[in-house]
Amino acid sequence: MPDETAAVLALLPAASARLAQKAAKPPWWHPYAPDLGSGAWRSRQTWAAGPATAA
């Protein structure tokens, strides 16, 4: 039991870092959000860069 607890505790920093990254997304961000200016659907990477960078 102590070994399992230590393993879970070792994972907590990585999990909290992932949650912090998600919380840091700007409010307009969505992984499948369309670029409303051109009507084109953007990939996750392109859209995550921000609407101002859309080509």
N, C-alpha and C. Protein backbone atom coordinates (compact mmCIF):
# COMPACT_ATOMS: atom_id res chain seq x y z
N MET A 1 0.82 -1.22 0.00
CA MET A 1 0.00 0.00 0.00
C MET A 1 0.86 1.27 0.00
N PRO A 2 1.87 1.38 0.83
CA PRO A 2 2.69 2.60 0.79
C PRO A 2 3.34 2.82 -0.58
N ASP A 3 3.72 1.73 -1.26
CA ASP A 3 4.34 1.87 -2.58
C ASP A 3 3.35 2.48 -3.58
N GLU A 4 2.10 2.01 -3.52
CA GLU A 4 1.09 2.55 -4.42
C GLU A 4 0.83 4.02 -4.13
N THR A 5 0.81 4.37 -2.85
CA THR A 5 0.58 5.76 -2.48
C THR A 5 1.71 6.64 -3.00
N ALA A 6 2.93 6.17 -2.87
CA ALA A 6 4.08 6.94 -3.35
C ALA A 6 4.00 7.12 -4.87
N ALA A 7 3.55 6.09 -5.57
CA ALA A 7 3.44 6.19 -7.03
C ALA A 7 2.40 7.23 -7.42
N VAL A 8 1.28 7.23 -6.71
CA VAL A 8 0.24 8.21 -7.01
C VAL A 8 0.73 9.62 -6.70
N LEU A 9 1.39 9.78 -5.57
CA LEU A 9 1.90 11.10 -5.19
C LEU A 9 2.95 11.59 -6.19
N ALA A 10 3.70 10.67 -6.77
CA ALA A 10 4.71 11.06 -7.75
C ALA A 10 4.06 11.60 -9.03
N LEU A 11 2.84 11.17 -9.31
CA LEU A 11 2.16 11.63 -10.53
C LEU A 11 1.48 12.98 -10.35
N LEU A 12 1.26 13.40 -9.12
CA LEU A 12 0.49 14.62 -8.90
C LEU A 12 1.12 15.87 -9.53
N PRO A 13 2.43 16.09 -9.43
CA PRO A 13 2.97 17.32 -10.05
C PRO A 13 2.72 17.38 -11.56
N ALA A 14 2.87 16.26 -12.24
CA ALA A 14 2.64 16.26 -13.69
C ALA A 14 1.17 16.53 -13.99
N ALA A 15 0.27 15.94 -13.22
CA ALA A 15 -1.16 16.15 -13.45
C ALA A 15 -1.54 17.61 -13.19
N SER A 16 -1.01 18.18 -12.13
CA SER A 16 -1.36 19.57 -11.83
C SER A 16 -0.76 20.51 -12.88
N ALA A 17 0.41 20.16 -13.41
CA ALA A 17 1.01 20.99 -14.47
C ALA A 17 0.14 20.95 -15.72
N ARG A 18 -0.40 19.77 -16.04
CA ARG A 18 -1.27 19.66 -17.20
C ARG A 18 -2.54 20.48 -17.01
N LEU A 19 -3.09 20.43 -15.81
CA LEU A 19 -4.30 21.22 -15.54
C LEU A 19 -3.99 22.72 -15.64
N ALA A 20 -2.83 23.13 -15.16
CA ALA A 20 -2.46 24.53 -15.23
C ALA A 20 -2.32 24.97 -16.69
N GLN A 21 -1.79 24.10 -17.55
CA GLN A 21 -1.69 24.44 -18.97
C GLN A 21 -3.07 24.62 -19.58
N LYS A 22 -4.00 23.73 -19.23
CA LYS A 22 -5.35 23.85 -19.76
C LYS A 22 -6.00 25.15 -19.28
N ALA A 23 -5.78 25.49 -18.01
CA ALA A 23 -6.38 26.70 -17.46
C ALA A 23 -5.78 27.95 -18.09
N ALA A 24 -4.56 27.84 -18.62
CA ALA A 24 -3.89 29.01 -19.19
C ALA A 24 -4.37 29.33 -20.60
N LYS A 25 -5.21 28.48 -21.19
CA LYS A 25 -5.72 28.75 -22.54
C LYS A 25 -6.54 30.02 -22.52
N PRO A 26 -6.46 30.84 -23.57
CA PRO A 26 -7.30 32.04 -23.62
C PRO A 26 -8.78 31.65 -23.70
N PRO A 27 -9.67 32.53 -23.29
CA PRO A 27 -11.09 32.15 -23.19
C PRO A 27 -11.73 31.78 -24.52
N TRP A 28 -11.19 32.29 -25.64
CA TRP A 28 -11.81 31.98 -26.93
C TRP A 28 -11.35 30.64 -27.48
N TRP A 29 -10.35 30.00 -26.85
CA TRP A 29 -9.74 28.81 -27.42
C TRP A 29 -10.64 27.60 -27.29
N HIS A 30 -10.74 26.85 -28.36
CA HIS A 30 -11.41 25.56 -28.34
C HIS A 30 -10.71 24.69 -29.39
N PRO A 31 -10.45 23.41 -29.05
CA PRO A 31 -9.64 22.60 -29.99
C PRO A 31 -10.26 22.44 -31.36
N TYR A 32 -11.59 22.51 -31.47
CA TYR A 32 -12.23 22.33 -32.76
C TYR A 32 -13.00 23.56 -33.19
N ALA A 33 -12.59 24.71 -32.68
CA ALA A 33 -13.33 25.92 -33.01
C ALA A 33 -13.04 26.35 -34.45
N PRO A 34 -14.04 26.81 -35.18
CA PRO A 34 -13.80 27.31 -36.53
C PRO A 34 -13.17 28.69 -36.48
N ASP A 35 -12.45 29.04 -37.51
CA ASP A 35 -11.99 30.41 -37.66
C ASP A 35 -13.17 31.18 -38.26
N LEU A 36 -13.79 32.00 -37.46
CA LEU A 36 -15.04 32.62 -37.90
C LEU A 36 -14.81 33.64 -39.01
N GLY A 37 -13.57 34.16 -39.14
CA GLY A 37 -13.29 35.14 -40.18
C GLY A 37 -13.40 34.54 -41.57
N SER A 38 -12.78 33.37 -41.78
CA SER A 38 -12.77 32.77 -43.11
C SER A 38 -13.78 31.63 -43.23
N GLY A 39 -14.30 31.17 -42.11
CA GLY A 39 -15.21 30.05 -42.12
C GLY A 39 -14.50 28.72 -42.27
N ALA A 40 -13.18 28.74 -42.35
CA ALA A 40 -12.42 27.49 -42.52
C ALA A 40 -12.18 26.85 -41.16
N TRP A 41 -12.22 25.52 -41.12
CA TRP A 41 -11.92 24.82 -39.88
C TRP A 41 -10.41 24.68 -39.76
N ARG A 42 -9.90 25.05 -38.60
CA ARG A 42 -8.46 25.06 -38.37
C ARG A 42 -8.03 23.81 -37.60
N SER A 43 -6.78 23.43 -37.81
CA SER A 43 -6.23 22.34 -37.01
C SER A 43 -6.03 22.84 -35.59
N ARG A 44 -5.88 21.92 -34.68
CA ARG A 44 -5.68 22.26 -33.27
C ARG A 44 -4.46 23.18 -33.11
N GLN A 45 -3.37 22.89 -33.80
CA GLN A 45 -2.15 23.67 -33.63
C GLN A 45 -2.32 25.08 -34.20
N THR A 46 -2.90 25.17 -35.38
CA THR A 46 -3.07 26.48 -36.00
C THR A 46 -3.99 27.35 -35.16
N TRP A 47 -5.09 26.78 -34.69
CA TRP A 47 -6.05 27.58 -33.94
C TRP A 47 -5.48 27.96 -32.58
N ALA A 48 -4.69 27.08 -31.97
CA ALA A 48 -4.13 27.38 -30.65
C ALA A 48 -3.18 28.57 -30.73
N ALA A 49 -2.61 28.84 -31.92
CA ALA A 49 -1.72 29.97 -32.06
C ALA A 49 -2.47 31.29 -31.96
N GLY A 50 -3.75 31.27 -32.21
CA GLY A 50 -4.57 32.47 -32.07
C GLY A 50 -5.19 32.89 -33.38
N PRO A 51 -6.35 33.54 -33.32
CA PRO A 51 -7.05 33.92 -34.55
C PRO A 51 -6.29 34.96 -35.37
N ALA A 52 -5.43 35.76 -34.74
CA ALA A 52 -4.72 36.80 -35.48
C ALA A 52 -3.68 36.21 -36.43
N THR A 53 -3.24 34.98 -36.18
CA THR A 53 -2.21 34.38 -37.02
C THR A 53 -2.79 33.56 -38.16
N ALA A 54 -4.12 33.53 -38.27
CA ALA A 54 -4.73 32.70 -39.30
C ALA A 54 -4.36 33.22 -40.69
N ALA A 55 -3.96 32.31 -41.55
CA ALA A 55 -3.54 32.73 -42.90
C ALA A 55 -4.72 32.71 -43.86
